[in-house]
C-alpha atoms as a PDB file:
ATOM      1  CA  MET A   1      11.722  -2.177  -0.236  1.00  0.00           C
ATOM      2  CA  THR A   2       9.692  -5.402  -0.060  1.00  0.00           C
ATOM      3  CA  THR A   3       9.753  -7.189   3.376  1.00  0.00           C
ATOM      4  CA  ILE A   4       9.436 -10.767   3.598  1.00  0.00           C
ATOM      5  CA  GLY A   5       8.659 -12.359   7.215  1.00  0.00           C
ATOM      6  CA  ILE A   6      10.321 -15.714   8.280  1.00  0.00           C
ATOM      7  CA  ILE A   7       8.119 -17.261  10.707  1.00  0.00           C
ATOM      8  CA  LEU A   8       9.340 -19.914  13.147  1.00  0.00           C
ATOM      9  CA  GLY A   9       6.283 -22.062  13.867  1.00  0.00           C
ATOM     10  CA  SER A  10       7.823 -24.168  16.514  1.00  0.00           C
ATOM     11  CA  VAL A  11       7.917 -23.125  20.127  1.00  0.00           C
ATOM     12  CA  ARG A  12       9.223 -26.258  21.767  1.00  0.00           C
ATOM     13  CA  SER A  13      12.196 -26.511  24.007  1.00  0.00           C
ATOM     14  CA  GLY A  14      15.015 -28.139  22.178  1.00  0.00           C
ATOM     15  CA  ARG A  15      13.480 -27.141  18.768  1.00  0.00           C
ATOM     16  CA  ARG A  16      15.501 -27.716  15.667  1.00  0.00           C
ATOM     17  CA  GLY A  17      13.643 -24.921  14.096  1.00  0.00           C
ATOM     18  CA  GLY A  18      15.938 -22.240  15.171  1.00  0.00           C
ATOM     19  CA  GLN A  19      18.753 -23.725  13.139  1.00  0.00           C
ATOM     20  CA  VAL A  20      16.535 -23.928  10.086  1.00  0.00           C
ATOM     21  CA  ALA A  21      15.368 -20.452  10.454  1.00  0.00           C
ATOM     22  CA  GLN A  22      18.816 -18.964  10.824  1.00  0.00           C
ATOM     23  CA  TRP A  23      20.103 -20.926   7.687  1.00  0.00           C
ATOM     24  CA  VAL A  24      16.838 -19.452   5.807  1.00  0.00           C
ATOM     25  CA  LEU A  25      17.633 -15.857   7.220  1.00  0.00           C
ATOM     26  CA  GLU A  26      21.228 -15.826   6.156  1.00  0.00           C
ATOM     27  CA  ARG A  27      20.911 -17.102   2.821  1.00  0.00           C
ATOM     28  CA  ALA A  28      18.054 -14.607   2.430  1.00  0.00           C
ATOM     29  CA  GLY A  29      20.061 -11.730   3.668  1.00  0.00           C
ATOM     30  CA  GLN A  30      22.390 -12.126   0.713  1.00  0.00           C
ATOM     31  CA  ARG A  31      19.693 -11.049  -1.539  1.00  0.00           C
ATOM     32  CA  THR A  32      19.256  -7.098  -2.746  1.00  0.00           C
ATOM     33  CA  ASP A  33      15.550  -7.635  -4.189  1.00  0.00           C
ATOM     34  CA  ALA A  34      13.993  -7.962  -0.547  1.00  0.00           C
ATOM     35  CA  ALA A  35      14.434  -7.457   2.977  1.00  0.00           C
ATOM     36  CA  PHE A  36      13.912 -10.416   5.498  1.00  0.00           C
ATOM     37  CA  GLU A  37      13.008 -10.399   9.006  1.00  0.00           C
ATOM     38  CA  LEU A  38      12.677 -13.243  11.619  1.00  0.00           C
ATOM     39  CA  ILE A  39       9.466 -13.701  13.464  1.00  0.00           C
ATOM     40  CA  ASP A  40       9.686 -16.271  16.109  1.00  0.00           C
ATOM     41  CA  LEU A  41       6.561 -17.181  17.659  1.00  0.00           C
ATOM     42  CA  LYS A  42       8.138 -18.027  20.889  1.00  0.00           C
ATOM     43  CA  ASP A  43       8.789 -14.088  21.453  1.00  0.00           C
ATOM     44  CA  PHE A  44       5.127 -13.327  21.229  1.00  0.00           C
ATOM     45  CA  GLU A  45       3.803 -15.935  23.812  1.00  0.00           C
ATOM     46  CA  LEU A  46       0.280 -15.742  22.091  1.00  0.00           C
ATOM     47  CA  PRO A  47      -2.502 -17.120  24.549  1.00  0.00           C
ATOM     48  CA  VAL A  48      -4.563 -19.977  23.226  1.00  0.00           C
ATOM     49  CA  LEU A  49      -7.117 -18.478  21.033  1.00  0.00           C
ATOM     50  CA  ALA A  50     -10.572 -17.895  22.960  1.00  0.00           C
ATOM     51  CA  THR A  51     -11.805 -14.475  21.687  1.00  0.00           C
ATOM     52  CA  PRO A  52     -15.596 -14.369  20.875  1.00  0.00           C
ATOM     53  CA  ILE A  53     -15.085 -12.679  17.569  1.00  0.00           C
ATOM     54  CA  PRO A  54     -13.179 -14.204  14.884  1.00  0.00           C
ATOM     55  CA  ALA A  55     -10.091 -12.228  13.129  1.00  0.00           C
ATOM     56  CA  MET A  56     -12.088 -12.251  10.067  1.00  0.00           C
ATOM     57  CA  ALA A  57     -14.651  -9.982  11.682  1.00  0.00           C
ATOM     58  CA  SER A  58     -12.160  -7.990  13.921  1.00  0.00           C
ATOM     59  CA  ARG A  59     -10.584  -6.493  10.894  1.00  0.00           C
ATOM     60  CA  GLY A  60      -7.020  -5.750  12.319  1.00  0.00           C
ATOM     61  CA  VAL A  61      -8.624  -4.300  15.567  1.00  0.00           C
ATOM     62  CA  TYR A  62      -7.741  -6.418  18.626  1.00  0.00           C
ATOM     63  CA  ASP A  63      -7.858  -5.918  22.471  1.00  0.00           C
ATOM     64  CA  GLU A  64      -5.022  -8.329  23.510  1.00  0.00           C
ATOM     65  CA  GLU A  65      -1.719  -6.598  23.903  1.00  0.00           C
ATOM     66  CA  ARG A  66       0.195  -9.750  22.609  1.00  0.00           C
ATOM     67  CA  THR A  67      -2.439 -10.016  19.713  1.00  0.00           C
ATOM     68  CA  GLN A  68      -1.467  -6.495  18.830  1.00  0.00           C
ATOM     69  CA  ALA A  69       2.087  -7.048  18.752  1.00  0.00           C
ATOM     70  CA  PHE A  70       1.934  -9.788  16.641  1.00  0.00           C
ATOM     71  CA  SER A  71      -0.618  -8.200  14.261  1.00  0.00           C
ATOM     72  CA  ALA A  72       1.934  -5.243  13.868  1.00  0.00           C
ATOM     73  CA  ALA A  73       4.875  -7.633  13.068  1.00  0.00           C
ATOM     74  CA  VAL A  74       2.851  -9.555  10.426  1.00  0.00           C
ATOM     75  CA  ALA A  75       1.169  -6.523   8.933  1.00  0.00           C
ATOM     76  CA  ALA A  76       4.540  -5.239   8.482  1.00  0.00           C
ATOM     77  CA  CYS A  77       5.519  -7.919   6.069  1.00  0.00           C
ATOM     78  CA  ASP A  78       4.429  -8.028   2.242  1.00  0.00           C
ATOM     79  CA  GLY A  79       5.127 -11.766   2.105  1.00  0.00           C
ATOM     80  CA  PHE A  80       6.189 -14.842   4.318  1.00  0.00           C
ATOM     81  CA  VAL A  81       8.287 -17.964   4.505  1.00  0.00           C
ATOM     82  CA  PHE A  82       7.033 -20.321   7.252  1.00  0.00           C
ATOM     83  CA  VAL A  83       9.454 -22.591   9.007  1.00  0.00           C
ATOM     84  CA  THR A  84       7.606 -25.733  10.403  1.00  0.00           C
ATOM     85  CA  SER A  85       8.352 -29.002  11.926  1.00  0.00           C
ATOM     86  CA  GLU A  86       5.591 -31.843  11.831  1.00  0.00           C
ATOM     87  CA  HIS A  87       3.684 -33.035  14.894  1.00  0.00           C
ATOM     88  CA  ASN A  88       1.397 -36.023  14.614  1.00  0.00           C
ATOM     89  CA  LEU A  89       0.982 -35.574  10.989  1.00  0.00           C
ATOM     90  CA  GLY A  90       0.335 -32.036  11.087  1.00  0.00           C
ATOM     91  CA  MET A  91       1.606 -28.641  11.844  1.00  0.00           C
ATOM     92  CA  PRO A  92       2.562 -27.418  15.435  1.00  0.00           C
ATOM     93  CA  GLY A  93      -0.393 -26.300  17.406  1.00  0.00           C
ATOM     94  CA  ALA A  94       1.327 -22.795  18.108  1.00  0.00           C
ATOM     95  CA  LEU A  95       1.688 -22.083  14.523  1.00  0.00           C
ATOM     96  CA  LYS A  96      -2.032 -22.928  13.717  1.00  0.00           C
ATOM     97  CA  ASN A  97      -2.949 -20.951  16.820  1.00  0.00           C
ATOM     98  CA  ALA A  98      -0.838 -17.910  15.595  1.00  0.00           C
ATOM     99  CA  LEU A  99      -2.268 -18.042  12.023  1.00  0.00           C
ATOM    100  CA  ASP A 100      -5.934 -18.014  13.596  1.00  0.00           C
ATOM    101  CA  HIS A 101      -5.271 -14.744  15.596  1.00  0.00           C
ATOM    102  CA  LEU A 102      -5.145 -12.692  12.638  1.00  0.00           C
ATOM    103  CA  TYR A 103      -6.656 -12.516   9.298  1.00  0.00           C
ATOM    104  CA  THR A 104      -6.476  -9.026   7.403  1.00  0.00           C
ATOM    105  CA  GLU A 105      -2.612  -9.336   7.982  1.00  0.00           C
ATOM    106  CA  TRP A 106      -2.182 -12.493   6.077  1.00  0.00           C
ATOM    107  CA  ASN A 107      -4.578 -11.436   2.934  1.00  0.00           C
ATOM    108  CA  ASP A 108      -3.085 -11.146  -0.671  1.00  0.00           C
ATOM    109  CA  LYS A 109       0.526 -11.801   0.255  1.00  0.00           C
ATOM    110  CA  ALA A 110       2.482 -14.657  -0.888  1.00  0.00           C
ATOM    111  CA  ALA A 111       3.828 -17.691   1.509  1.00  0.00           C
ATOM    112  CA  GLY A 112       6.545 -20.139   0.985  1.00  0.00           C
ATOM    113  CA  PHE A 113       7.427 -23.071   3.259  1.00  0.00           C
ATOM    114  CA  VAL A 114      10.521 -24.810   4.706  1.00  0.00           C
ATOM    115  CA  SER A 115       9.526 -28.102   6.651  1.00  0.00           C
ATOM    116  CA  TYR A 116      11.571 -30.556   8.530  1.00  0.00           C
ATOM    117  CA  GLY A 117      11.000 -33.796  10.405  1.00  0.00           C
ATOM    118  CA  VAL A 118      11.269 -37.550  10.172  1.00  0.00           C
ATOM    119  CA  ASN A 119       9.483 -37.294   6.668  1.00  0.00           C
ATOM    120  CA  GLY A 120      10.702 -33.823   6.041  1.00  0.00           C
ATOM    121  CA  GLY A 121       7.698 -32.190   7.295  1.00  0.00           C
ATOM    122  CA  VAL A 122       5.649 -32.718   4.156  1.00  0.00           C
ATOM    123  CA  ARG A 123       2.204 -33.321   5.839  1.00  0.00           C
ATOM    124  CA  ALA A 124       2.724 -30.100   7.702  1.00  0.00           C
ATOM    125  CA  VAL A 125       3.172 -28.334   4.645  1.00  0.00           C
ATOM    126  CA  GLU A 126      -0.130 -29.741   3.005  1.00  0.00           C
ATOM    127  CA  GLN A 127      -2.118 -28.484   6.217  1.00  0.00           C
ATOM    128  CA  LEU A 128      -0.454 -24.973   5.945  1.00  0.00           C
ATOM    129  CA  LYS A 129      -1.426 -24.927   2.321  1.00  0.00           C
ATOM    130  CA  LEU A 130      -5.289 -25.412   3.076  1.00  0.00           C
ATOM    131  CA  VAL A 131      -5.107 -23.016   6.025  1.00  0.00           C
ATOM    132  CA  GLY A 132      -3.178 -20.460   3.910  1.00  0.00           C
ATOM    133  CA  ALA A 133      -5.911 -20.686   1.138  1.00  0.00           C
ATOM    134  CA  ALA A 134      -8.577 -19.559   3.933  1.00  0.00           C
ATOM    135  CA  LEU A 135      -6.254 -16.657   5.041  1.00  0.00           C
ATOM    136  CA  GLN A 136      -5.925 -15.574   1.105  1.00  0.00           C
ATOM    137  CA  LEU A 137      -2.130 -16.313   1.157  1.00  0.00           C
ATOM    138  CA  ALA A 138      -0.695 -17.252  -2.196  1.00  0.00           C
ATOM    139  CA  VAL A 139       0.984 -20.285  -1.824  1.00  0.00           C
ATOM    140  CA  VAL A 140       4.060 -20.752  -4.019  1.00  0.00           C
ATOM    141  CA  ALA A 141       5.074 -24.082  -5.501  1.00  0.00           C
ATOM    142  CA  ALA A 142       8.230 -25.967  -4.301  1.00  0.00           C
ATOM    143  CA  PRO A 143       8.559 -26.195  -0.678  1.00  0.00           C
ATOM    144  CA  VAL A 144      11.763 -26.828   0.856  1.00  0.00           C
ATOM    145  CA  ILE A 145      11.767 -30.351   2.432  1.00  0.00           C
ATOM    146  CA  LEU A 146      14.350 -31.201   4.985  1.00  0.00           C
ATOM    147  CA  PRO A 147      14.333 -35.006   6.413  1.00  0.00           C
ATOM    148  CA  PHE A 148      16.074 -35.722   9.615  1.00  0.00           C
ATOM    149  CA  ALA A 149      17.990 -38.661   8.004  1.00  0.00           C
ATOM    150  CA  ASP A 150      19.233 -36.390   5.010  1.00  0.00           C
ATOM    151  CA  GLU A 151      19.797 -33.002   6.737  1.00  0.00           C
ATOM    152  CA  PHE A 152      20.723 -33.473  10.441  1.00  0.00           C
ATOM    153  CA  GLU A 153      23.457 -34.824  11.846  1.00  0.00           C
ATOM    154  CA  ASP A 154      22.505 -37.370  14.334  1.00  0.00           C
ATOM    155  CA  HIS A 155      18.857 -36.215  13.981  1.00  0.00           C
ATOM    156  CA  ALA A 156      19.721 -33.200  15.875  1.00  0.00           C
ATOM    157  CA  VAL A 157      22.283 -30.798  14.195  1.00  0.00           C
ATOM    158  CA  PHE A 158      21.283 -29.240  10.916  1.00  0.00           C
ATOM    159  CA  ARG A 159      23.869 -29.926   8.069  1.00  0.00           C
ATOM    160  CA  PRO A 160      21.839 -28.739   4.934  1.00  0.00           C
ATOM    161  CA  GLY A 161      23.322 -30.081   1.536  1.00  0.00           C
ATOM    162  CA  GLU A 162      23.843 -28.512  -1.813  1.00  0.00           C
ATOM    163  CA  ALA A 163      20.467 -29.696  -2.910  1.00  0.00           C
ATOM    164  CA  ALA A 164      18.554 -28.147   0.015  1.00  0.00           C
ATOM    165  CA  LEU A 165      20.311 -24.733  -0.504  1.00  0.00           C
ATOM    166  CA  ARG A 166      19.222 -24.751  -4.327  1.00  0.00           C
ATOM    167  CA  SER A 167      15.566 -25.716  -3.286  1.00  0.00           C
ATOM    168  CA  LEU A 168      15.714 -22.656  -0.685  1.00  0.00           C
ATOM    169  CA  ASP A 169      16.831 -20.346  -3.327  1.00  0.00           C
ATOM    170  CA  LEU A 170      14.183 -21.259  -5.846  1.00  0.00           C
ATOM    171  CA  MET A 171      11.527 -20.906  -3.209  1.00  0.00           C
ATOM    172  CA  LEU A 172      12.855 -17.320  -2.008  1.00  0.00           C
ATOM    173  CA  ASP A 173      12.756 -16.454  -5.780  1.00  0.00           C
ATOM    174  CA  LYS A 174       8.972 -17.415  -6.127  1.00  0.00           C
ATOM    175  CA  VAL A 175       8.184 -15.748  -2.728  1.00  0.00           C
ATOM    176  CA  VAL A 176       9.700 -12.395  -3.707  1.00  0.00           C
ATOM    177  CA  SER A 177       8.394 -12.439  -7.293  1.00  0.00           C
ATOM    178  CA  TRP A 178       4.966 -13.225  -6.231  1.00  0.00           C
ATOM    179  CA  THR A 179       5.097 -10.822  -3.458  1.00  0.00           C
ATOM    180  CA  THR A 180       5.989  -8.248  -6.011  1.00  0.00           C
ATOM    181  CA  ALA A 181       3.318  -8.816  -8.444  1.00  0.00           C
ATOM    182  CA  MET A 182       0.691  -9.017  -5.811  1.00  0.00           C
ATOM    183  CA  SER A 183       1.438  -5.572  -4.327  1.00  0.00           C
ATOM    184  CA  THR A 184      -1.404  -3.929  -6.586  1.00  0.00           C
ATOM    185  CA  LEU A 185      -3.867  -6.225  -4.790  1.00  0.00           C
ATOM    186  CA  ARG A 186      -3.128  -5.030  -1.413  1.00  0.00           C
ATOM    187  CA  SER A 187      -3.742  -1.556  -2.551  1.00  0.00           C
ATOM    188  CA  GLY A 188      -6.991  -2.439  -4.153  1.00  0.00           C
ATOM    189  CA  PRO A 189     -10.261  -3.668  -3.031  1.00  0.00           C
ATOM    190  CA  GLY A 190      -8.997  -5.367  -0.081  1.00  0.00           C
ATOM    191  CA  ALA A 191      -7.440  -2.273   1.135  1.00  0.00           C
ATOM    192  CA  GLU A 192     -10.554  -0.476   0.719  1.00  0.00           C
ATOM    193  CA  THR A 193     -12.442  -3.067   2.786  1.00  0.00           C
ATOM    194  CA  GLU A 194      -9.773  -2.653   5.419  1.00  0.00           C
ATOM    195  CA  ILE A 195     -10.187   1.026   5.563  1.00  0.00           C
ATOM    196  CA  ARG A 196     -13.983   0.952   5.547  1.00  0.00           C
ATOM    197  CA  ALA A 197     -13.523  -1.553   8.553  1.00  0.00           C
ATOM    198  CA  ARG A 198     -11.238   0.912  10.305  1.00  0.00           C
ATOM    199  CA  ILE A 199     -13.957   3.855  10.209  1.00  0.00           C
ATOM    200  CA  ASP A 200     -16.679   1.309  11.302  1.00  0.00           C
ATOM    201  CA  ALA A 201     -14.242   0.661  14.387  1.00  0.00           C
ATOM    202  CA  ILE A 202     -14.256   4.353  15.183  1.00  0.00           C
ATOM    203  CA  VAL A 203     -17.940   4.431  15.092  1.00  0.00           C
ATOM    204  CA  ASP A 204     -17.970   1.260  17.523  1.00  0.00           C
ATOM    205  CA  GLY A 205     -15.198   2.898  19.747  1.00  0.00           C
ATOM    206  CA  ILE A 206     -17.223   6.339  19.939  1.00  0.00           C
ATOM    207  CA  HIS A 207     -20.521   4.368  20.961  1.00  0.00           C
ATOM    208  CA  ALA A 208     -18.220   2.298  23.435  1.00  0.00           C
ATOM    209  CA  ARG A 209     -16.781   5.536  24.585  1.00  0.00           C
ATOM    210  CA  ASP A 210     -13.530   3.367  24.317  1.00  0.00           C
ATOM    211  CA  LEU A 211     -10.491   5.783  24.251  1.00  0.00           C
ATOM    212  CA  ASP A 212      -8.064   2.678  23.945  1.00  0.00           C
ATOM    213  CA  ALA A 213      -9.929   1.302  20.949  1.00  0.00           C
ATOM    214  CA  LEU A 214      -9.694   4.885  19.068  1.00  0.00           C
ATOM    215  CA  ARG A 215      -6.264   5.134  19.866  1.00  0.00           C
ATOM    216  CA  ARG A 216      -5.220   2.003  17.866  1.00  0.00           C
ATOM    217  CA  ILE A 217      -7.016   3.681  14.704  1.00  0.00           C
ATOM    218  CA  TYR A 218      -4.889   7.071  14.793  1.00  0.00           C
ATOM    219  CA  ALA A 219      -1.344   7.390  13.826  1.00  0.00           C
ATOM    220  CA  THR A 220       0.814   8.621  16.743  1.00  0.00           C
ATOM    221  CA  ASP A 221       1.704  12.038  14.740  1.00  0.00           C
ATOM    222  CA  VAL A 222      -1.855  12.403  13.566  1.00  0.00           C
ATOM    223  CA  VAL A 223      -2.823  15.900  12.560  1.00  0.00           C
ATOM    224  CA  SER A 224      -6.739  16.698  13.067  1.00  0.00           C
ATOM    225  CA  PHE A 225      -8.555  19.782  11.967  1.00  0.00           C
ATOM    226  CA  ASP A 226     -11.641  19.452  14.125  1.00  0.00           C
ATOM    227  CA  VAL A 227     -14.667  21.786  14.775  1.00  0.00           C
ATOM    228  CA  GLU A 228     -13.208  22.745  18.124  1.00  0.00           C
ATOM    229  CA  PRO A 229     -10.624  25.143  18.841  1.00  0.00           C
ATOM    230  CA  PRO A 230      -7.610  25.161  18.324  1.00  0.00           C
ATOM    231  CA  LEU A 231      -7.016  25.320  14.374  1.00  0.00           C
ATOM    232  CA  GLN A 232      -5.186  22.064  14.827  1.00  0.00           C
ATOM    233  CA  HIS A 233      -4.757  19.026  17.298  1.00  0.00           C
ATOM    234  CA  VAL A 234      -1.347  17.468  16.688  1.00  0.00           C
ATOM    235  CA  GLY A 235      -0.535  13.975  17.905  1.00  0.00           C
ATOM    236  CA  VAL A 236      -2.685  11.050  18.984  1.00  0.00           C
ATOM    237  CA  ASP A 237      -3.024  12.368  22.774  1.00  0.00           C
ATOM    238  CA  ALA A 238      -4.475  15.829  21.464  1.00  0.00           C
ATOM    239  CA  LYS A 239      -6.976  13.897  19.383  1.00  0.00           C
ATOM    240  CA  LEU A 240      -8.097  11.519  22.203  1.00  0.00           C
ATOM    241  CA  LYS A 241      -8.354  14.545  24.555  1.00  0.00           C
ATOM    242  CA  ASN A 242     -11.000  15.816  22.159  1.00  0.00           C
ATOM    243  CA  TRP A 243     -13.036  12.769  22.463  1.00  0.00           C
ATOM    244  CA  ALA A 244     -12.331  12.441  26.221  1.00  0.00           C
ATOM    245  CA  ARG A 245     -14.117  15.888  26.279  1.00  0.00           C
ATOM    246  CA  VAL A 246     -17.122  14.768  24.348  1.00  0.00           C
ATOM    247  CA  PHE A 247     -17.341  11.376  26.483  1.00  0.00           C
ATOM    248  CA  THR A 248     -17.608  13.588  29.611  1.00  0.00           C
ATOM    249  CA  LEU A 249     -20.300  15.797  28.267  1.00  0.00           C
ATOM    250  CA  PHE A 250     -22.223  13.005  27.150  1.00  0.00           C
ATOM    251  CA  ASP A 251     -23.945  10.082  29.077  1.00  0.00           C
ATOM    252  CA  GLU A 252     -25.083   8.427  25.832  1.00  0.00           C
ATOM    253  CA  VAL A 253     -23.202   9.361  22.652  1.00  0.00           C
ATOM    254  CA  SER A 254     -24.084   8.365  19.052  1.00  0.00           C
ATOM    255  CA  TYR A 255     -22.074   8.914  15.802  1.00  0.00           C
ATOM    256  CA  GLU A 256     -23.451   8.451  12.636  1.00  0.00           C
ATOM    257  CA  LEU A 257     -21.640   8.486   9.031  1.00  0.00           C
ATOM    258  CA  ARG A 258     -23.173   8.233   5.504  1.00  0.00           C
ATOM    259  CA  ASP A 259     -22.208   8.765   1.818  1.00  0.00           C
ATOM    260  CA  LEU A 260     -18.646   7.423   2.756  1.00  0.00           C
ATOM    261  CA  ASP A 261     -16.456   7.408  -0.401  1.00  0.00           C
ATOM    262  CA  VAL A 262     -13.147   5.755  -0.147  1.00  0.00           C
ATOM    263  CA  THR A 263     -10.060   6.335  -2.799  1.00  0.00           C
ATOM    264  CA  VAL A 264      -7.221   4.104  -2.332  1.00  0.00           C
ATOM    265  CA  GLY A 265      -3.677   4.959  -4.167  1.00  0.00           C
ATOM    266  CA  GLY A 266      -0.439   2.755  -3.074  1.00  0.00           C
ATOM    267  CA  ASP A 267      -0.001   3.468   0.615  1.00  0.00           C
ATOM    268  CA  LEU A 268      -2.314   6.287   0.842  1.00  0.00           C
ATOM    269  CA  ALA A 269      -5.992   6.341   0.920  1.00  0.00           C
ATOM    270  CA  VAL A 270      -8.702   9.274   1.428  1.00  0.00           C
ATOM    271  CA  ALA A 271     -12.278   8.731   2.662  1.00  0.00           C
ATOM    272  CA  HIS A 272     -14.858  11.199   2.895  1.00  0.00           C
ATOM    273  CA  GLY A 273     -18.532  11.452   3.853  1.00  0.00           C
ATOM    274  CA  PHE A 274     -20.913  13.363   6.082  1.00  0.00           C
ATOM    275  CA  GLY A 275     -20.966  12.587  10.066  1.00  0.00           C
ATOM    276  CA  ARG A 276     -23.312  13.520  12.973  1.00  0.00           C
ATOM    277  CA  LEU A 277     -22.845  13.311  16.712  1.00  0.00           C
ATOM    278  CA  SER A 278     -25.559  12.988  18.751  1.00  0.00           C
ATOM    279  CA  GLY A 279     -27.007  11.754  22.147  1.00  0.00           C
ATOM    280  CA  ARG A 280     -27.965  12.571  25.407  1.00  0.00           C
ATOM    281  CA  LEU A 281     -25.886  15.078  27.817  1.00  0.00           C
ATOM    282  CA  ALA A 282     -25.220  14.320  31.132  1.00  0.00           C
ATOM    283  CA  ASN A 283     -27.948  17.023  32.346  1.00  0.00           C
ATOM    284  CA  GLY A 284     -30.489  14.357  30.607  1.00  0.00           C
ATOM    285  CA  SER A 285     -30.954  16.500  27.434  1.00  0.00           C
ATOM    286  CA  ALA A 286     -31.354  15.074  24.215  1.00  0.00           C
ATOM    287  CA  VAL A 287     -29.078  16.604  21.257  1.00  0.00           C
ATOM    288  CA  ASP A 288     -29.652  16.006  17.936  1.00  0.00           C
ATOM    289  CA  GLY A 289     -26.348  17.296  16.598  1.00  0.00           C
ATOM    290  CA  MET A 290     -25.519  18.668  13.473  1.00  0.00           C
ATOM    291  CA  TRP A 291     -24.173  17.415  10.229  1.00  0.00           C
ATOM    292  CA  VAL A 292     -20.384  18.023   9.220  1.00  0.00           C
ATOM    293  CA  ARG A 293     -18.162  17.318   6.481  1.00  0.00           C
ATOM    294  CA  GLY A 294     -15.733  14.498   7.363  1.00  0.00           C
ATOM    295  CA  THR A 295     -12.411  13.873   5.739  1.00  0.00           C
ATOM    296  CA  PHE A 296      -9.995  10.768   6.675  1.00  0.00           C
ATOM    297  CA  CYS A 297      -6.385  10.515   5.220  1.00  0.00           C
ATOM    298  CA  PHE A 298      -5.056   7.198   5.909  1.00  0.00           C
ATOM    299  CA  ARG A 299      -1.443   5.908   5.249  1.00  0.00           C
ATOM    300  CA  ARG A 300      -0.231   2.117   5.428  1.00  0.00           C
ATOM    301  CA  VAL A 301       2.047   2.117   8.515  1.00  0.00           C
ATOM    302  CA  GLY A 302       3.651  -1.206   9.001  1.00  0.00           C
ATOM    303  CA  GLY A 303       1.176  -2.748   7.073  1.00  0.00           C
ATOM    304  CA  ALA A 304      -1.743  -1.533   8.861  1.00  0.00           C
ATOM    305  CA  TRP A 305      -4.218   1.500   7.665  1.00  0.00           C
ATOM    306  CA  LEU A 306      -3.878   4.338  10.265  1.00  0.00           C
ATOM    307  CA  ILE A 307      -5.569   7.965  10.246  1.00  0.00           C
ATOM    308  CA  VAL A 308      -2.717  10.232   9.727  1.00  0.00           C
ATOM    309  CA  HIS A 309      -4.964  13.364   9.118  1.00  0.00           C
ATOM    310  CA  ASP A 310      -8.732  13.891   9.423  1.00  0.00           C
ATOM    311  CA  GLN A 311     -10.909  17.123   9.208  1.00  0.00           C
ATOM    312  CA  ALA A 312     -14.731  18.022  10.291  1.00  0.00           C
ATOM    313  CA  SER A 313     -15.906  21.196   8.925  1.00  0.00           C
ATOM    314  CA  VAL A 314     -19.037  23.099   8.528  1.00  0.00           C
ATOM    315  CA  PRO A 315     -19.993  25.401   5.871  1.00  0.00           C
ATOM    316  CA  PHE A 316     -20.336  29.080   6.748  1.00  0.00           C
ATOM    317  CA  ASP A 317     -22.270  32.281   5.450  1.00  0.00           C
ATOM    318  CA  VAL A 318     -19.948  34.697   4.262  1.00  0.00           C
ATOM    319  CA  LEU A 319     -22.007  37.714   5.392  1.00  0.00           C
ATOM    320  CA  THR A 320     -22.215  36.954   9.036  1.00  0.00           C
ATOM    321  CA  GLY A 321     -19.280  34.509   9.584  1.00  0.00           C
ATOM    322  CA  ARG A 322     -21.365  32.135  11.240  1.00  0.00           C
ATOM    323  CA  GLY A 323     -21.183  28.426  10.540  1.00  0.00           C
ATOM    324  CA  VAL A 324     -24.528  26.905   9.085  1.00  0.00           C
ATOM    325  CA  THR A 325     -25.327  23.964  11.162  1.00  0.00           C
ATOM    326  CA  ASP A 326     -28.914  23.262   9.835  1.00  0.00           C
ATOM    327  CA  LEU A 327     -27.902  21.336   6.743  1.00  0.00           C
ATOM    328  CA  GLU A 328     -29.062  18.007   5.836  1.00  0.00           C
ATOM    329  CA  PRO A 329     -27.038  15.786   3.462  1.00  0.00           C
END
C-alpha cells in the first residue's frame, strides 16, 4: 500500500506542531487509499549538516548513524505531508537541515503542506516549494493554512474549524493521487541511477576495504553465489566474511566492473556485467585477477535499493571440469 510520511518540522520546546501533526494523522488514518506514518524530526536529533559530500552525491549512502536512520524512514515513504511552523518569514532551521541531509529519498514523490503561525505560515510554505523543487519533489496545490487567530484558542490550543478540515481533505486527496500517479517514475530512470550508484558504492567500499560501507548495500538476508566455496553464502554476515578474507589477503585491492546493464521492474531490478578483482597481496606479489560474470539482484526495501542476491561465476571446460580463467570481455 502507498505510504505517506507526515513530517513534523519543528523541534522547539512548547511547539504547537505536535497538535497539528496529530490532527493530520488522525484524519488521514480514516482513509483506505494509503497508510500514514508520523516522522517527527525531534526523534532523530540530526546534527547540523557538515559532511564534505553533499547528499546529491552520496546517493543514499551515509556514514552518520542518525542520518542512516532518517534516510530509512524517509525512503520508506512514497509521498509526504510537511507540517511546518514559520520562523522569521521562513521554515524552521531544523526542517531545512533535515531536507538537506538527503536527496534521492525525496526524488519523484509528492508533497503537501500544513502550515501554522501568526500569518498561517504561508511564507514557510513558499520556501518549502522552492526547496522541494530542487529535491525533485512534486508539490501539490492548496496547502492547509492555519493562522493562530483563527485556529488556535489563545494562540496555544489547536481548535481547527470545518474549513480547515475541508482544506486538509483536499490536500490529502491530491497527495495520494499524485503519489500513485508517480509510482512509475520511482521505478524508472531514477531507480536505475540509484542502482548504478549503489554498485559504484560497492566498488568504492572494496577499494577502501570498508566492511561497514558494504554492509549498508546488502539486504540482511542476502543470498550470494560466489566463486569461493560453499555453494551459497546466506546472510549479510556470511557475505561480509568473504570480503573480510579478501581484505586480509590483499594489502592493496582493486575491483573493476565493466559492461554493466541494469533492468528495473517495479520493486525488483537486475544488473549484470563483468568484474575483476586485482591488487597487491600481503607478500608483495601483484595479482592481475580474472574476469568473472557478475549478477546483482536488487529489491526496494523500505524505499532503498538493496542487493538480495548476487552471483559471480566463471565458465568451465566440460571435458576437464576446470574453470576457464583467462578470458577477456
